[in-house]
Amino acid sequence: MFSFQNVFMATDFKRENRYDSVEPERTWSFNVVLGLIYGESLGLTGQRTVRYEVNYYNGINPHGQFRQDKLSYVGFNFVIDF
């Protein structure tokens, strides 16, 4: 079965334009991901890995036409890498 290999954390901070015809502004957006990796984390042996992740985002909506909206969420991910 899988054995615990690593804890990981990744962050992304960026200053983005908020598209708004009345009050355009530049504001900070950030994303933080924290998780556990089970299995060979570097993928050197061709073994399957499993990741459990918690994802937090706060900032400008990154999806094109909705960039005038602010967005905040917490997500939980389960990822299987082959």
Protein backbone atom coordinates (compact mmCIF):
# COMPACT_ATOMS: atom_id res chain seq x y z
CA MET A 1 0.00 0.00 0.00
CA PHE A 2 1.02 3.65 0.03
CA SER A 3 3.40 5.06 2.59
CA PHE A 4 3.49 8.68 3.66
CA GLN A 5 6.30 10.54 1.86
CA ASN A 6 5.98 14.32 2.09
CA VAL A 7 4.07 17.31 3.31
CA PHE A 8 3.94 20.12 0.77
CA MET A 9 2.85 23.74 0.66
CA ALA A 10 2.65 26.12 -2.28
CA THR A 11 1.67 29.78 -2.41
CA ASP A 12 0.94 32.19 -5.22
CA PHE A 13 0.69 35.93 -4.58
CA LYS A 14 -0.03 38.32 -7.43
CA ARG A 15 -1.30 41.82 -7.98
CA GLU A 16 -3.99 41.88 -10.66
CA ASN A 17 -6.24 44.34 -12.43
CA ARG A 18 -9.85 44.19 -11.36
CA TYR A 19 -11.85 44.93 -14.51
CA ASP A 20 -14.57 47.39 -13.58
CA SER A 21 -15.81 50.32 -15.66
CA VAL A 22 -16.74 52.37 -12.58
CA GLU A 23 -13.90 51.62 -10.14
CA PRO A 24 -10.96 49.84 -11.82
CA GLU A 25 -8.23 48.92 -9.35
CA ARG A 26 -5.17 46.76 -8.84
CA THR A 27 -5.60 44.37 -5.95
CA TRP A 28 -3.80 41.40 -4.42
CA SER A 29 -4.87 37.82 -5.05
CA PHE A 30 -3.40 34.82 -3.30
CA ASN A 31 -3.69 31.06 -3.37
CA VAL A 32 -2.34 28.65 -0.73
CA VAL A 33 -2.23 24.85 -1.16
CA LEU A 34 -1.24 22.49 1.67
CA GLY A 35 -1.25 18.71 1.49
CA LEU A 36 0.14 15.23 1.97
CA ILE A 37 1.69 12.93 -0.62
CA TYR A 38 1.49 9.14 -0.30
CA GLY A 39 3.71 6.97 -2.51
CA GLU A 40 6.88 7.91 -4.36
CA SER A 41 6.60 11.70 -4.59
CA LEU A 42 9.31 12.20 -7.21
CA GLY A 43 7.84 9.64 -9.62
CA LEU A 44 11.19 7.93 -10.17
CA THR A 45 9.92 4.35 -9.77
CA GLY A 46 6.75 4.67 -11.87
CA GLN A 47 4.71 4.01 -8.74
CA ARG A 48 1.25 5.54 -8.31
CA THR A 49 0.99 8.50 -5.90
CA VAL A 50 -1.96 9.92 -4.02
CA ARG A 51 -2.26 13.52 -2.84
CA TYR A 52 -4.68 15.04 -0.36
CA GLU A 53 -4.80 18.83 -0.69
CA VAL A 54 -6.50 21.77 0.98
CA ASN A 55 -6.70 24.81 -1.30
CA TYR A 56 -7.54 28.39 -0.22
CA TYR A 57 -8.03 31.25 -2.70
CA ASN A 58 -8.87 34.90 -2.02
CA GLY A 59 -8.80 37.59 -4.69
CA ILE A 60 -9.92 38.48 -8.20
CA ASN A 61 -11.84 35.77 -10.05
CA PRO A 62 -9.25 34.34 -12.51
CA HIS A 63 -11.81 33.31 -15.15
CA GLY A 64 -11.81 35.87 -18.00
CA GLN A 65 -15.05 37.81 -18.22
CA PHE A 66 -15.70 37.51 -14.46
CA ARG A 67 -12.53 39.38 -13.43
CA GLN A 68 -14.54 42.26 -11.97
CA ASP A 69 -15.74 39.92 -9.17
CA LYS A 70 -13.85 39.06 -6.02
CA LEU A 71 -13.79 35.41 -5.05
CA SER A 72 -12.92 33.51 -1.88
CA TYR A 73 -13.11 29.74 -1.33
CA VAL A 74 -11.66 26.71 0.43
CA GLY A 75 -11.39 23.48 -1.55
CA PHE A 76 -10.41 19.90 -0.78
CA ASN A 77 -8.74 17.85 -3.52
CA PHE A 78 -7.97 14.15 -3.87
CA VAL A 79 -5.49 13.50 -6.70
CA ILE A 80 -4.26 10.15 -8.06
CA ASP A 81 -1.12 10.36 -10.25
CA PHE A 82 -0.24 7.41 -12.48
